PDB file of N, CA and C in Angstrom:
ATOM      1  N   MET A   1       0.773  -1.239  -0.012  1.00  0.00           N
ATOM      2  CA  MET A   1       0.059   0.126  -0.010  1.00  0.00           C
ATOM      3  C   MET A   1       0.842   1.297  -0.023  1.00  0.00           C
ATOM      4  N   VAL A   2       1.942   1.241   0.807  1.00  0.00           N
ATOM      5  CA  VAL A   2       2.804   2.471   0.827  1.00  0.00           C
ATOM      6  C   VAL A   2       3.441   2.666  -0.473  1.00  0.00           C
ATOM      7  N   TYR A   3       4.005   1.573  -1.150  1.00  0.00           N
ATOM      8  CA  TYR A   3       4.674   1.706  -2.361  1.00  0.00           C
ATOM      9  C   TYR A   3       3.756   2.137  -3.452  1.00  0.00           C
ATOM     10  N   GLU A   4       2.500   1.745  -3.453  1.00  0.00           N
ATOM     11  CA  GLU A   4       1.465   2.093  -4.457  1.00  0.00           C
ATOM     12  C   GLU A   4       1.244   3.496  -4.383  1.00  0.00           C
ATOM     13  N   HIS A   5       1.032   4.011  -3.081  1.00  0.00           N
ATOM     14  CA  HIS A   5       0.814   5.623  -2.962  1.00  0.00           C
ATOM     15  C   HIS A   5       2.004   6.367  -3.512  1.00  0.00           C
ATOM     16  N   MET A   6       3.197   5.897  -3.018  1.00  0.00           N
ATOM     17  CA  MET A   6       4.358   6.648  -3.379  1.00  0.00           C
ATOM     18  C   MET A   6       4.468   6.594  -4.899  1.00  0.00           C
ATOM     19  N   ALA A   7       4.228   5.522  -5.552  1.00  0.00           N
ATOM     20  CA  ALA A   7       4.473   5.440  -6.983  1.00  0.00           C
ATOM     21  C   ALA A   7       3.475   6.360  -7.624  1.00  0.00           C
ATOM     22  N   LYS A   8       2.363   6.754  -7.174  1.00  0.00           N
ATOM     23  CA  LYS A   8       1.448   7.518  -7.796  1.00  0.00           C
ATOM     24  C   LYS A   8       1.691   8.975  -7.495  1.00  0.00           C
ATOM     25  N   SER A   9       2.603   9.336  -6.488  1.00  0.00           N
ATOM     26  CA  SER A   9       3.004  10.727  -6.235  1.00  0.00           C
ATOM     27  C   SER A   9       4.384  10.989  -6.690  1.00  0.00           C
ATOM     28  N   TRP A  10       5.306  11.216  -5.769  1.00  0.00           N
ATOM     29  CA  TRP A  10       6.676  11.414  -6.228  1.00  0.00           C
ATOM     30  C   TRP A  10       7.644  10.156  -6.075  1.00  0.00           C
ATOM     31  N   GLY A  11       6.974   9.058  -5.858  1.00  0.00           N
ATOM     32  CA  GLY A  11       7.772   7.845  -5.705  1.00  0.00           C
ATOM     33  C   GLY A  11       8.746   7.430  -6.844  1.00  0.00           C
ATOM     34  N   PHE A  12       8.521   7.933  -8.028  1.00  0.00           N
ATOM     35  CA  PHE A  12       9.293   7.595  -9.107  1.00  0.00           C
ATOM     36  C   PHE A  12      10.728   7.960  -8.825  1.00  0.00           C
ATOM     37  N   MET A  13      11.057   8.899  -8.015  1.00  0.00           N
ATOM     38  CA  MET A  13      12.356   9.389  -7.645  1.00  0.00           C
ATOM     39  C   MET A  13      13.034   8.364  -6.686  1.00  0.00           C
ATOM     40  N   VAL A  14      12.114   7.471  -6.012  1.00  0.00           N
ATOM     41  CA  VAL A  14      12.639   6.543  -5.101  1.00  0.00           C
ATOM     42  C   VAL A  14      12.710   5.113  -5.551  1.00  0.00           C
ATOM     43  N   SER A  15      13.977   4.458  -5.578  1.00  0.00           N
ATOM     44  CA  SER A  15      13.969   3.101  -6.193  1.00  0.00           C
ATOM     45  C   SER A  15      13.760   2.032  -5.129  1.00  0.00           C
ATOM     46  N   THR A  16      14.135   2.311  -3.773  1.00  0.00           N
ATOM     47  CA  THR A  16      13.869   1.365  -2.795  1.00  0.00           C
ATOM     48  C   THR A  16      13.550   2.174  -1.412  1.00  0.00           C
ATOM     49  N   ALA A  17      12.834   1.497  -0.559  1.00  0.00           N
ATOM     50  CA  ALA A  17      12.511   2.062   0.779  1.00  0.00           C
ATOM     51  C   ALA A  17      12.475   0.861   1.769  1.00  0.00           C
ATOM     52  N   CYS A  18      13.082   1.219   2.972  1.00  0.00           N
ATOM     53  CA  CYS A  18      13.144   0.257   3.970  1.00  0.00           C
ATOM     54  C   CYS A  18      12.608   0.856   5.253  1.00  0.00           C
ATOM     55  N   LEU A  19      11.490   0.233   5.870  1.00  0.00           N
ATOM     56  CA  LEU A  19      10.864   0.760   7.108  1.00  0.00           C
ATOM     57  C   LEU A  19      11.114  -0.112   8.212  1.00  0.00           C
ATOM     58  N   PHE A  20      11.598   0.437   9.331  1.00  0.00           N
ATOM     59  CA  PHE A  20      11.822  -0.307  10.552  1.00  0.00           C
ATOM     60  C   PHE A  20      10.639   0.086  11.473  1.00  0.00           C
ATOM     61  N   PRO A  21       9.555  -0.588  11.375  1.00  0.00           N
ATOM     62  CA  PRO A  21       8.237  -0.224  11.959  1.00  0.00           C
ATOM     63  C   PRO A  21       8.003  -0.628  13.468  1.00  0.00           C
ATOM     64  N   LYS A  22       7.258   0.209  14.268  1.00  0.00           N
ATOM     65  CA  LYS A  22       6.691  -0.049  15.392  1.00  0.00           C
ATOM     66  C   LYS A  22       5.254   0.014  15.002  1.00  0.00           C
ATOM     67  N   VAL A  23       4.409  -1.022  15.406  1.00  0.00           N
ATOM     68  CA  VAL A  23       2.928  -0.874  15.065  1.00  0.00           C
ATOM     69  C   VAL A  23       2.049  -0.991  16.295  1.00  0.00           C
ATOM     70  N   LEU A  24       1.098  -0.130  16.305  1.00  0.00           N
ATOM     71  CA  LEU A  24       0.082  -0.057  17.440  1.00  0.00           C
ATOM     72  C   LEU A  24      -1.254  -0.233  16.703  1.00  0.00           C
ATOM     73  N   VAL A  25      -2.006  -1.364  17.213  1.00  0.00           N
ATOM     74  CA  VAL A  25      -3.378  -1.581  16.752  1.00  0.00           C
ATOM     75  C   VAL A  25      -4.331  -1.149  17.811  1.00  0.00           C
ATOM     76  N   ASP A  26      -5.030  -0.149  17.429  1.00  0.00           N
ATOM     77  CA  ASP A  26      -6.180   0.378  18.351  1.00  0.00           C
ATOM     78  C   ASP A  26      -7.512  -0.237  17.911  1.00  0.00           C
ATOM     79  N   THR A  27      -7.984  -1.404  18.483  1.00  0.00           N
ATOM     80  CA  THR A  27      -9.144  -1.870  18.079  1.00  0.00           C
ATOM     81  C   THR A  27     -10.422  -1.104  18.428  1.00  0.00           C
ATOM     82  N   THR A  28     -10.459  -0.366  19.597  1.00  0.00           N
ATOM     83  CA  THR A  28     -11.479   0.489  19.979  1.00  0.00           C
ATOM     84  C   THR A  28     -11.735   1.545  18.884  1.00  0.00           C
ATOM     85  N   ASN A  29     -10.762   2.182  18.374  1.00  0.00           N
ATOM     86  CA  ASN A  29     -10.960   3.260  17.401  1.00  0.00           C
ATOM     87  C   ASN A  29     -10.773   2.924  15.905  1.00  0.00           C
ATOM     88  N   SER A  30     -10.492   1.591  15.746  1.00  0.00           N
ATOM     89  CA  SER A  30     -10.379   1.104  14.332  1.00  0.00           C
ATOM     90  C   SER A  30      -9.180   1.722  13.629  1.00  0.00           C
ATOM     91  N   LYS A  31      -8.056   1.928  14.373  1.00  0.00           N
ATOM     92  CA  LYS A  31      -6.783   2.489  13.725  1.00  0.00           C
ATOM     93  C   LYS A  31      -5.563   1.516  13.897  1.00  0.00           C
ATOM     94  N   ILE A  32      -4.676   1.656  12.941  1.00  0.00           N
ATOM     95  CA  ILE A  32      -3.438   1.077  12.978  1.00  0.00           C
ATOM     96  C   ILE A  32      -2.462   2.147  12.765  1.00  0.00           C
ATOM     97  N   ILE A  33      -1.599   2.313  13.819  1.00  0.00           N
ATOM     98  CA  ILE A  33      -0.530   3.424  13.693  1.00  0.00           C
ATOM     99  C   ILE A  33       0.792   2.743  13.561  1.00  0.00           C
ATOM    100  N   ILE A  34       1.494   3.182  12.552  1.00  0.00           N
ATOM    101  CA  ILE A  34       2.849   2.638  12.238  1.00  0.00           C
ATOM    102  C   ILE A  34       3.867   3.782  12.321  1.00  0.00           C
ATOM    103  N   THR A  35       4.820   3.651  13.148  1.00  0.00           N
ATOM    104  CA  THR A  35       5.875   4.600  13.215  1.00  0.00           C
ATOM    105  C   THR A  35       7.150   3.994  13.177  1.00  0.00           C
ATOM    106  N   GLY A  36       8.172   4.848  12.797  1.00  0.00           N
ATOM    107  CA  GLY A  36       9.532   4.231  12.785  1.00  0.00           C
ATOM    108  C   GLY A  36      10.369   5.106  11.841  1.00  0.00           C
ATOM    109  N   GLU A  37      11.575   4.554  11.592  1.00  0.00           N
ATOM    110  CA  GLU A  37      12.411   5.226  10.566  1.00  0.00           C
ATOM    111  C   GLU A  37      12.336   4.605   9.100  1.00  0.00           C
ATOM    112  N   LEU A  38      12.091   5.449   8.210  1.00  0.00           N
ATOM    113  CA  LEU A  38      12.012   5.060   6.749  1.00  0.00           C
ATOM    114  C   LEU A  38      13.213   5.499   6.058  1.00  0.00           C
ATOM    115  N   VAL A  39      13.929   4.627   5.405  1.00  0.00           N
ATOM    116  CA  VAL A  39      15.252   4.974   4.709  1.00  0.00           C
ATOM    117  C   VAL A  39      14.742   4.735   3.257  1.00  0.00           C
ATOM    118  N   ILE A  40      14.896   5.722   2.546  1.00  0.00           N
ATOM    119  CA  ILE A  40      14.587   5.803   1.079  1.00  0.00           C
ATOM    120  C   ILE A  40      15.915   6.026   0.223  1.00  0.00           C
ATOM    121  N   ASN A  41      15.979   5.467  -0.945  1.00  0.00           N
ATOM    122  CA  ASN A  41      17.043   5.633  -1.779  1.00  0.00           C
ATOM    123  C   ASN A  41      16.463   6.590  -3.022  1.00  0.00           C
ATOM    124  N   ILE A  42      16.815   7.900  -2.932  1.00  0.00           N
ATOM    125  CA  ILE A  42      16.336   8.726  -3.930  1.00  0.00           C
ATOM    126  C   ILE A  42      17.488   8.707  -5.150  1.00  0.00           C
ATOM    127  N   ASP A  43      16.997   8.114  -6.258  1.00  0.00           N
ATOM    128  CA  ASP A  43      17.892   8.029  -7.365  1.00  0.00           C
ATOM    129  C   ASP A  43      17.277   8.400  -8.743  1.00  0.00           C
ATOM    130  N   GLY A  44      16.015   8.480  -8.714  1.00  0.00           N
ATOM    131  CA  GLY A  44      15.231   8.796 -10.052  1.00  0.00           C
ATOM    132  C   GLY A  44      15.538   7.700 -11.143  1.00  0.00           C
ATOM    133  N   GLY A  45      16.048   6.509 -10.706  1.00  0.00           N
ATOM    134  CA  GLY A  45      16.205   5.429 -11.679  1.00  0.00           C
ATOM    135  C   GLY A  45      17.593   5.752 -12.351  1.00  0.00           C
ATOM    136  N   LEU A  46      18.444   6.576 -11.922  1.00  0.00           N
ATOM    137  CA  LEU A  46      19.673   6.752 -12.377  1.00  0.00           C
ATOM    138  C   LEU A  46      20.759   6.044 -11.548  1.00  0.00           C
ATOM    139  N   PRO A  47      21.945   5.674 -12.000  1.00  0.00           N
ATOM    140  CA  PRO A  47      22.996   5.012 -11.364  1.00  0.00           C
ATOM    141  C   PRO A  47      23.708   5.890 -10.321  1.00  0.00           C
ATOM    142  N   GLN A  48      22.870   6.357  -9.330  1.00  0.00           N
ATOM    143  CA  GLN A  48      23.470   7.088  -8.131  1.00  0.00           C
ATOM    144  C   GLN A  48      22.585   6.753  -7.001  1.00  0.00           C
ATOM    145  N   SER A  49      23.114   7.025  -5.773  1.00  0.00           N
ATOM    146  CA  SER A  49      22.342   6.672  -4.625  1.00  0.00           C
ATOM    147  C   SER A  49      22.466   7.828  -3.613  1.00  0.00           C
ATOM    148  N   HIS A  50      21.306   8.189  -3.083  1.00  0.00           N
ATOM    149  CA  HIS A  50      21.061   9.210  -2.062  1.00  0.00           C
ATOM    150  C   HIS A  50      20.271   8.559  -0.941  1.00  0.00           C
ATOM    151  N   LEU A  51      20.834   7.895   0.016  1.00  0.00           N
ATOM    152  CA  LEU A  51      20.090   7.344   1.079  1.00  0.00           C
ATOM    153  C   LEU A  51      19.621   8.372   2.152  1.00  0.00           C
ATOM    154  N   VAL A  52      18.280   8.442   2.330  1.00  0.00           N
ATOM    155  CA  VAL A  52      17.732   9.466   3.262  1.00  0.00           C
ATOM    156  C   VAL A  52      16.837   8.759   4.265  1.00  0.00           C
ATOM    157  N   PRO A  53      17.399   8.932   5.519  1.00  0.00           N
ATOM    158  CA  PRO A  53      16.514   8.510   6.604  1.00  0.00           C
ATOM    159  C   PRO A  53      15.578   9.542   7.137  1.00  0.00           C
ATOM    160  N   ASN A  54      14.320   9.126   7.590  1.00  0.00           N
ATOM    161  CA  ASN A  54      13.374  10.123   8.053  1.00  0.00           C
ATOM    162  C   ASN A  54      12.340   9.329   8.822  1.00  0.00           C
ATOM    163  N   GLN A  55      12.060  10.083  10.153  1.00  0.00           N
ATOM    164  CA  GLN A  55      11.047   9.538  10.811  1.00  0.00           C
ATOM    165  C   GLN A  55       9.680   9.585  10.188  1.00  0.00           C
ATOM    166  N   ILE A  56       8.932   8.678  10.374  1.00  0.00           N
ATOM    167  CA  ILE A  56       7.555   8.492   9.583  1.00  0.00           C
ATOM    168  C   ILE A  56       6.562   8.078  10.464  1.00  0.00           C
ATOM    169  N   CYS A  57       5.256   8.381  10.289  1.00  0.00           N
ATOM    170  CA  CYS A  57       4.106   7.929  10.958  1.00  0.00           C
ATOM    171  C   CYS A  57       2.938   7.699   9.928  1.00  0.00           C
ATOM    172  N   PHE A  58       2.387   6.614   9.932  1.00  0.00           N
ATOM    173  CA  PHE A  58       1.339   6.209   9.129  1.00  0.00           C
ATOM    174  C   PHE A  58       0.057   5.890  10.100  1.00  0.00           C
ATOM    175  N   ILE A  59      -1.084   6.482   9.689  1.00  0.00           N
ATOM    176  CA  ILE A  59      -2.321   6.198  10.398  1.00  0.00           C
ATOM    177  C   ILE A  59      -3.222   5.541   9.423  1.00  0.00           C
ATOM    178  N   LEU A  60      -3.640   4.356   9.687  1.00  0.00           N
ATOM    179  CA  LEU A  60      -4.598   3.615   8.887  1.00  0.00           C
ATOM    180  C   LEU A  60      -5.922   3.537   9.468  1.00  0.00           C
ATOM    181  N   THR A  61      -6.917   4.080   8.920  1.00  0.00           N
ATOM    182  CA  THR A  61      -8.332   3.802   9.545  1.00  0.00           C
ATOM    183  C   THR A  61      -8.913   2.667   8.857  1.00  0.00           C
ATOM    184  N   LEU A  62      -9.626   1.859   9.775  1.00  0.00           N
ATOM    185  CA  LEU A  62     -10.410   0.656   9.210  1.00  0.00           C
ATOM    186  C   LEU A  62     -11.890   0.727   9.371  1.00  0.00           C
ATOM    187  N   ASN A  63     -12.433   0.105   8.366  1.00  0.00           N
ATOM    188  CA  ASN A  63     -13.909  -0.004   8.442  1.00  0.00           C
ATOM    189  C   ASN A  63     -14.208  -1.357   7.867  1.00  0.00           C
ATOM    190  N   GLY A  64     -14.841  -2.282   8.637  1.00  0.00           N
ATOM    191  CA  GLY A  64     -15.354  -3.617   8.305  1.00  0.00           C
ATOM    192  C   GLY A  64     -14.119  -4.448   7.758  1.00  0.00           C
ATOM    193  N   GLY A  65     -12.909  -4.171   8.461  1.00  0.00           N
ATOM    194  CA  GLY A  65     -11.726  -4.971   8.109  1.00  0.00           C
ATOM    195  C   GLY A  65     -10.995  -4.574   6.905  1.00  0.00           C
ATOM    196  N   GLN A  66     -11.460  -3.371   6.341  1.00  0.00           N
ATOM    197  CA  GLN A  66     -10.789  -2.810   5.088  1.00  0.00           C
ATOM    198  C   GLN A  66     -10.160  -1.454   5.516  1.00  0.00           C
ATOM    199  N   VAL A  67      -9.093  -1.143   4.918  1.00  0.00           N
ATOM    200  CA  VAL A  67      -8.459   0.212   5.096  1.00  0.00           C
ATOM    201  C   VAL A  67      -9.197   1.214   4.290  1.00  0.00           C
ATOM    202  N   THR A  68      -9.762   2.254   5.004  1.00  0.00           N
ATOM    203  CA  THR A  68     -10.605   3.294   4.316  1.00  0.00           C
ATOM    204  C   THR A  68      -9.930   4.609   4.251  1.00  0.00           C
ATOM    205  N   ASN A  69      -8.892   4.752   4.925  1.00  0.00           N
ATOM    206  CA  ASN A  69      -8.135   6.054   4.981  1.00  0.00           C
ATOM    207  C   ASN A  69      -6.718   5.764   5.357  1.00  0.00           C
ATOM    208  N   TRP A  70      -5.779   6.429   4.660  1.00  0.00           N
ATOM    209  CA  TRP A  70      -4.332   6.443   5.073  1.00  0.00           C
ATOM    210  C   TRP A  70      -3.776   7.747   5.151  1.00  0.00           C
ATOM    211  N   GLU A  71      -3.098   8.101   6.272  1.00  0.00           N
ATOM    212  CA  GLU A  71      -2.428   9.261   6.364  1.00  0.00           C
ATOM    213  C   GLU A  71      -1.072   9.045   6.713  1.00  0.00           C
ATOM    214  N   ALA A  72      -0.186   9.921   6.178  1.00  0.00           N
ATOM    215  CA  ALA A  72       1.391   9.757   6.275  1.00  0.00           C
ATOM    216  C   ALA A  72       1.881  11.043   6.667  1.00  0.00           C
ATOM    217  N   TYR A  73       2.840  11.107   7.593  1.00  0.00           N
ATOM    218  CA  TYR A  73       3.469  12.270   8.041  1.00  0.00           C
ATOM    219  C   TYR A  73       5.035  11.948   8.272  1.00  0.00           C
ATOM    220  N   TRP A  74       5.771  12.865   7.843  1.00  0.00           N
ATOM    221  CA  TRP A  74       7.178  12.970   7.970  1.00  0.00           C
ATOM    222  C   TRP A  74       7.683  14.430   7.753  1.00  0.00           C
ATOM    223  N   ASN A  75       8.984  14.595   8.022  1.00  0.00           N
ATOM    224  CA  ASN A  75       9.486  15.918   7.797  1.00  0.00           C
ATOM    225  C   ASN A  75       9.719  16.303   6.306  1.00  0.00           C
ATOM    226  N   ASN A  76       8.771  16.978   5.805  1.00  0.00           N
ATOM    227  CA  ASN A  76       8.932  17.480   4.349  1.00  0.00           C
ATOM    228  C   ASN A  76      10.125  18.426   4.071  1.00  0.00           C
ATOM    229  N   ALA A  77      10.570  19.056   5.191  1.00  0.00           N
ATOM    230  CA  ALA A  77      11.603  20.142   4.942  1.00  0.00           C
ATOM    231  C   ALA A  77      12.936  19.445   5.466  1.00  0.00           C
ATOM    232  N   ASP A  78      13.085  18.154   5.535  1.00  0.00           N
ATOM    233  CA  ASP A  78      14.329  17.634   5.797  1.00  0.00           C
ATOM    234  C   ASP A  78      15.446  18.048   4.947  1.00  0.00           C
ATOM    235  N   PRO A  79      16.410  18.650   5.362  1.00  0.00           N
ATOM    236  CA  PRO A  79      17.583  19.256   4.416  1.00  0.00           C
ATOM    237  C   PRO A  79      18.301  18.124   3.559  1.00  0.00           C
ATOM    238  N   VAL A  80      18.494  16.892   4.195  1.00  0.00           N
ATOM    239  CA  VAL A  80      19.111  15.806   3.416  1.00  0.00           C
ATOM    240  C   VAL A  80      18.234  15.341   2.242  1.00  0.00           C
ATOM    241  N   MET A  81      16.843  15.246   2.544  1.00  0.00           N
ATOM    242  CA  MET A  81      16.020  14.789   1.488  1.00  0.00           C
ATOM    243  C   MET A  81      15.894  15.909   0.453  1.00  0.00           C
ATOM    244  N   LEU A  82      15.730  17.106   0.838  1.00  0.00           N
ATOM    245  CA  LEU A  82      15.596  18.203  -0.183  1.00  0.00           C
ATOM    246  C   LEU A  82      16.822  18.288  -1.083  1.00  0.00           C
ATOM    247  N   GLN A  83      18.015  18.118  -0.459  1.00  0.00           N
ATOM    248  CA  GLN A  83      19.239  18.088  -1.244  1.00  0.00           C
ATOM    249  C   GLN A  83      19.286  16.891  -2.151  1.00  0.00           C
ATOM    250  N   ALA A  84      18.994  15.834  -1.801  1.00  0.00           N
ATOM    251  CA  ALA A  84      18.922  14.664  -2.729  1.00  0.00           C
ATOM    252  C   ALA A  84      17.936  14.709  -3.791  1.00  0.00           C
ATOM    253  N   LEU A  85      16.749  15.339  -3.504  1.00  0.00           N
ATOM    254  CA  LEU A  85      15.687  15.571  -4.666  1.00  0.00           C
ATOM    255  C   LEU A  85      16.284  16.545  -5.579  1.00  0.00           C
ATOM    256  N   ALA A  86      16.982  17.610  -5.126  1.00  0.00           N
ATOM    257  CA  ALA A  86      17.575  18.682  -6.030  1.00  0.00           C
ATOM    258  C   ALA A  86      18.707  18.050  -6.869  1.00  0.00           C
ATOM    259  N   THR A  87      19.593  17.215  -6.210  1.00  0.00           N
ATOM    260  CA  THR A  87      20.583  16.654  -7.013  1.00  0.00           C
ATOM    261  C   THR A  87      20.093  15.693  -8.106  1.00  0.00           C
ATOM    262  N   VAL A  88      19.155  14.898  -7.710  1.00  0.00           N
ATOM    263  CA  VAL A  88      18.689  13.963  -8.705  1.00  0.00           C
ATOM    264  C   VAL A  88      17.875  14.721  -9.846  1.00  0.00           C
ATOM    265  N   SER A  89      17.165  15.660  -9.512  1.00  0.00           N
ATOM    266  CA  SER A  89      16.430  16.516 -10.441  1.00  0.00           C
ATOM    267  C   SER A  89      17.396  17.091 -11.438  1.00  0.00           C
ATOM    268  N   THR A  90      18.526  17.502 -10.972  1.00  0.00           N
ATOM    269  CA  THR A  90      19.437  18.078 -11.941  1.00  0.00           C
ATOM    270  C   THR A  90      20.024  17.115 -12.678  1.00  0.00           C
ATOM    271  N   ALA A  91      20.290  15.854 -12.195  1.00  0.00           N
ATOM    272  CA  ALA A  91      20.810  14.802 -12.965  1.00  0.00           C
ATOM    273  C   ALA A  91      19.896  14.252 -14.025  1.00  0.00           C
ATOM    274  N   LEU A  92      18.532  14.255 -13.637  1.00  0.00           N
ATOM    275  CA  LEU A  92      17.602  13.752 -14.575  1.00  0.00           C
ATOM    276  C   LEU A  92      17.541  14.821 -15.791  1.00  0.00           C
ATOM    277  N   LYS A  93      17.533  16.074 -15.424  1.00  0.00           N
ATOM    278  CA  LYS A  93      17.388  17.053 -16.502  1.00  0.00           C
ATOM    279  C   LYS A  93      18.698  16.902 -17.479  1.00  0.00           C
ATOM    280  N   VAL A  94      19.809  16.622 -16.985  1.00  0.00           N
ATOM    281  CA  VAL A  94      21.001  16.410 -17.930  1.00  0.00           C
ATOM    282  C   VAL A  94      20.938  15.111 -18.665  1.00  0.00           C
ATOM    283  N   ALA A  95      20.430  14.036 -17.934  1.00  0.00           N
ATOM    284  CA  ALA A  95      20.445  12.730 -18.508  1.00  0.00           C
ATOM    285  C   ALA A  95      19.369  12.598 -19.621  1.00  0.00           C
ATOM    286  N   LYS A  96      18.268  13.306 -19.400  1.00  0.00           N
ATOM    287  CA  LYS A  96      17.113  13.080 -20.362  1.00  0.00           C
ATOM    288  C   LYS A  96      17.005  14.324 -21.475  1.00  0.00           C
ATOM    289  N   GLY A  97      17.741  15.373 -21.116  1.00  0.00           N
ATOM    290  CA  GLY A  97      17.662  16.476 -21.973  1.00  0.00           C
ATOM    291  C   GLY A  97      16.365  17.242 -21.839  1.00  0.00           C
ATOM    292  N   ASP A  98      15.622  17.002 -20.847  1.00  0.00           N
ATOM    293  CA  ASP A  98      14.353  17.581 -20.607  1.00  0.00           C
ATOM    294  C   ASP A  98      14.468  18.513 -19.397  1.00  0.00           C
ATOM    295  N   PHE A  99      13.584  19.465 -19.330  1.00  0.00           N
ATOM    296  CA  PHE A  99      13.447  20.293 -18.137  1.00  0.00           C
ATOM    297  C   PHE A  99      12.624  19.646 -17.117  1.00  0.00           C
ATOM    298  N   PHE A 100      13.209  19.415 -15.835  1.00  0.00           N
ATOM    299  CA  PHE A 100      12.596  18.629 -14.835  1.00  0.00           C
ATOM    300  C   PHE A 100      12.465  19.493 -13.607  1.00  0.00           C
ATOM    301  N   VAL A 101      11.296  19.468 -13.033  1.00  0.00           N
ATOM    302  CA  VAL A 101      11.041  20.279 -11.775  1.00  0.00           C
ATOM    303  C   VAL A 101      10.572  19.416 -10.718  1.00  0.00           C
ATOM    304  N   ILE A 102      11.109  19.642  -9.451  1.00  0.00           N
ATOM    305  CA  ILE A 102      10.391  19.017  -8.320  1.00  0.00           C
ATOM    306  C   ILE A 102       9.896  20.240  -7.514  1.00  0.00           C
ATOM    307  N   GLU A 103       8.522  20.214  -7.270  1.00  0.00           N
ATOM    308  CA  GLU A 103       7.988  21.411  -6.669  1.00  0.00           C
ATOM    309  C   GLU A 103       7.337  20.798  -5.379  1.00  0.00           C
ATOM    310  N   HIS A 104       7.271  21.643  -4.388  1.00  0.00           N
ATOM    311  CA  HIS A 104       6.705  21.247  -3.079  1.00  0.00           C
ATOM    312  C   HIS A 104       6.015  22.530  -2.530  1.00  0.00           C
ATOM    313  N   ASN A 105       4.859  22.310  -1.920  1.00  0.00           N
ATOM    314  CA  ASN A 105       4.022  23.440  -1.383  1.00  0.00           C
ATOM    315  C   ASN A 105       4.540  23.662  -0.013  1.00  0.00           C
ATOM    316  N   PHE A 106       5.480  24.552   0.258  1.00  0.00           N
ATOM    317  CA  PHE A 106       5.989  24.818   1.488  1.00  0.00           C
ATOM    318  C   PHE A 106       5.039  25.548   2.468  1.00  0.00           C
ATOM    319  N   LYS A 107       3.986  26.122   1.922  1.00  0.00           N
ATOM    320  CA  LYS A 107       2.942  26.636   2.744  1.00  0.00           C
ATOM    321  C   LYS A 107       2.231  25.640   3.555  1.00  0.00           C
ATOM    322  N   THR A 108       1.929  24.459   2.921  1.00  0.00           N
ATOM    323  CA  THR A 108       1.106  23.498   3.619  1.00  0.00           C
ATOM    324  C   THR A 108       1.981  22.357   4.060  1.00  0.00           C
ATOM    325  N   GLY A 109       3.152  22.151   3.472  1.00  0.00           N
ATOM    326  CA  GLY A 109       4.152  21.169   3.786  1.00  0.00           C
ATOM    327  C   GLY A 109       3.636  19.799   3.642  1.00  0.00           C
ATOM    328  N   ARG A 110       2.591  19.507   2.845  1.00  0.00           N
ATOM    329  CA  ARG A 110       2.057  18.204   2.580  1.00  0.00           C
ATOM    330  C   ARG A 110       2.909  17.393   1.606  1.00  0.00           C
ATOM    331  N   ALA A 111       3.137  16.210   2.067  1.00  0.00           N
ATOM    332  CA  ALA A 111       3.936  15.240   1.189  1.00  0.00           C
ATOM    333  C   ALA A 111       3.241  14.849  -0.084  1.00  0.00           C
ATOM    334  N   ASP A 112       1.967  14.911  -0.061  1.00  0.00           N
ATOM    335  CA  ASP A 112       1.230  14.537  -1.334  1.00  0.00           C
ATOM    336  C   ASP A 112       1.278  15.615  -2.422  1.00  0.00           C
ATOM    337  N   GLU A 113       1.943  16.774  -2.097  1.00  0.00           N
ATOM    338  CA  GLU A 113       2.061  17.880  -2.931  1.00  0.00           C
ATOM    339  C   GLU A 113       3.308  17.867  -3.641  1.00  0.00           C
ATOM    340  N   TRP A 114       4.123  16.757  -3.559  1.00  0.00           N
ATOM    341  CA  TRP A 114       5.242  16.720  -4.450  1.00  0.00           C
ATOM    342  C   TRP A 114       4.950  16.111  -5.710  1.00  0.00           C
ATOM    343  N   TRP A 115       5.400  16.647  -6.808  1.00  0.00           N
ATOM    344  CA  TRP A 115       5.150  16.055  -8.140  1.00  0.00           C
ATOM    345  C   TRP A 115       6.311  16.498  -9.047  1.00  0.00           C
ATOM    346  N   GLY A 116       6.515  15.778 -10.015  1.00  0.00           N
ATOM    347  CA  GLY A 116       7.367  16.015 -11.103  1.00  0.00           C
ATOM    348  C   GLY A 116       6.750  16.349 -12.402  1.00  0.00           C
ATOM    349  N   LYS A 117       7.286  17.206 -13.211  1.00  0.00           N
ATOM    350  CA  LYS A 117       6.553  17.420 -14.486  1.00  0.00           C
ATOM    351  C   LYS A 117       7.698  17.788 -15.449  1.00  0.00           C
ATOM    352  N   TYR A 118       7.454  17.362 -16.683  1.00  0.00           N
ATOM    353  CA  TYR A 118       8.396  17.599 -17.716  1.00  0.00           C
ATOM    354  C   TYR A 118       7.693  18.741 -18.605  1.00  0.00           C
ATOM    355  N   GLY A 119       8.619  19.713 -19.010  1.00  0.00           N
ATOM    356  CA  GLY A 119       8.080  20.808 -19.828  1.00  0.00           C
ATOM    357  C   GLY A 119       9.022  21.263 -20.930  1.00  0.00           C
TER     358      GLY A 119
END
């Protein structure tokens, strides 16, 4: 589920991810909370590696045994992650000969507002 969500957002920049989770199941409130350190390799599919560790929290809401909502929180302004994204964005621009932009809404700081576009 995590990989599917990332692939639909800015996940194309990430080739691998490794989560070291702690899981809390709240049966009274139908929630599953997953916290821990997520280490991602930001490479944009290029032969380079930028390992970025970041603390993360996922909150899954259940209804009838099915996940009906998924929230994810991490530090969107992490300087190591931002530098890796900028480095890979530049490398993609050079490798593909296209203009490549990574944009982020710093006003809201939401992870789902990362996107790449070619122009």
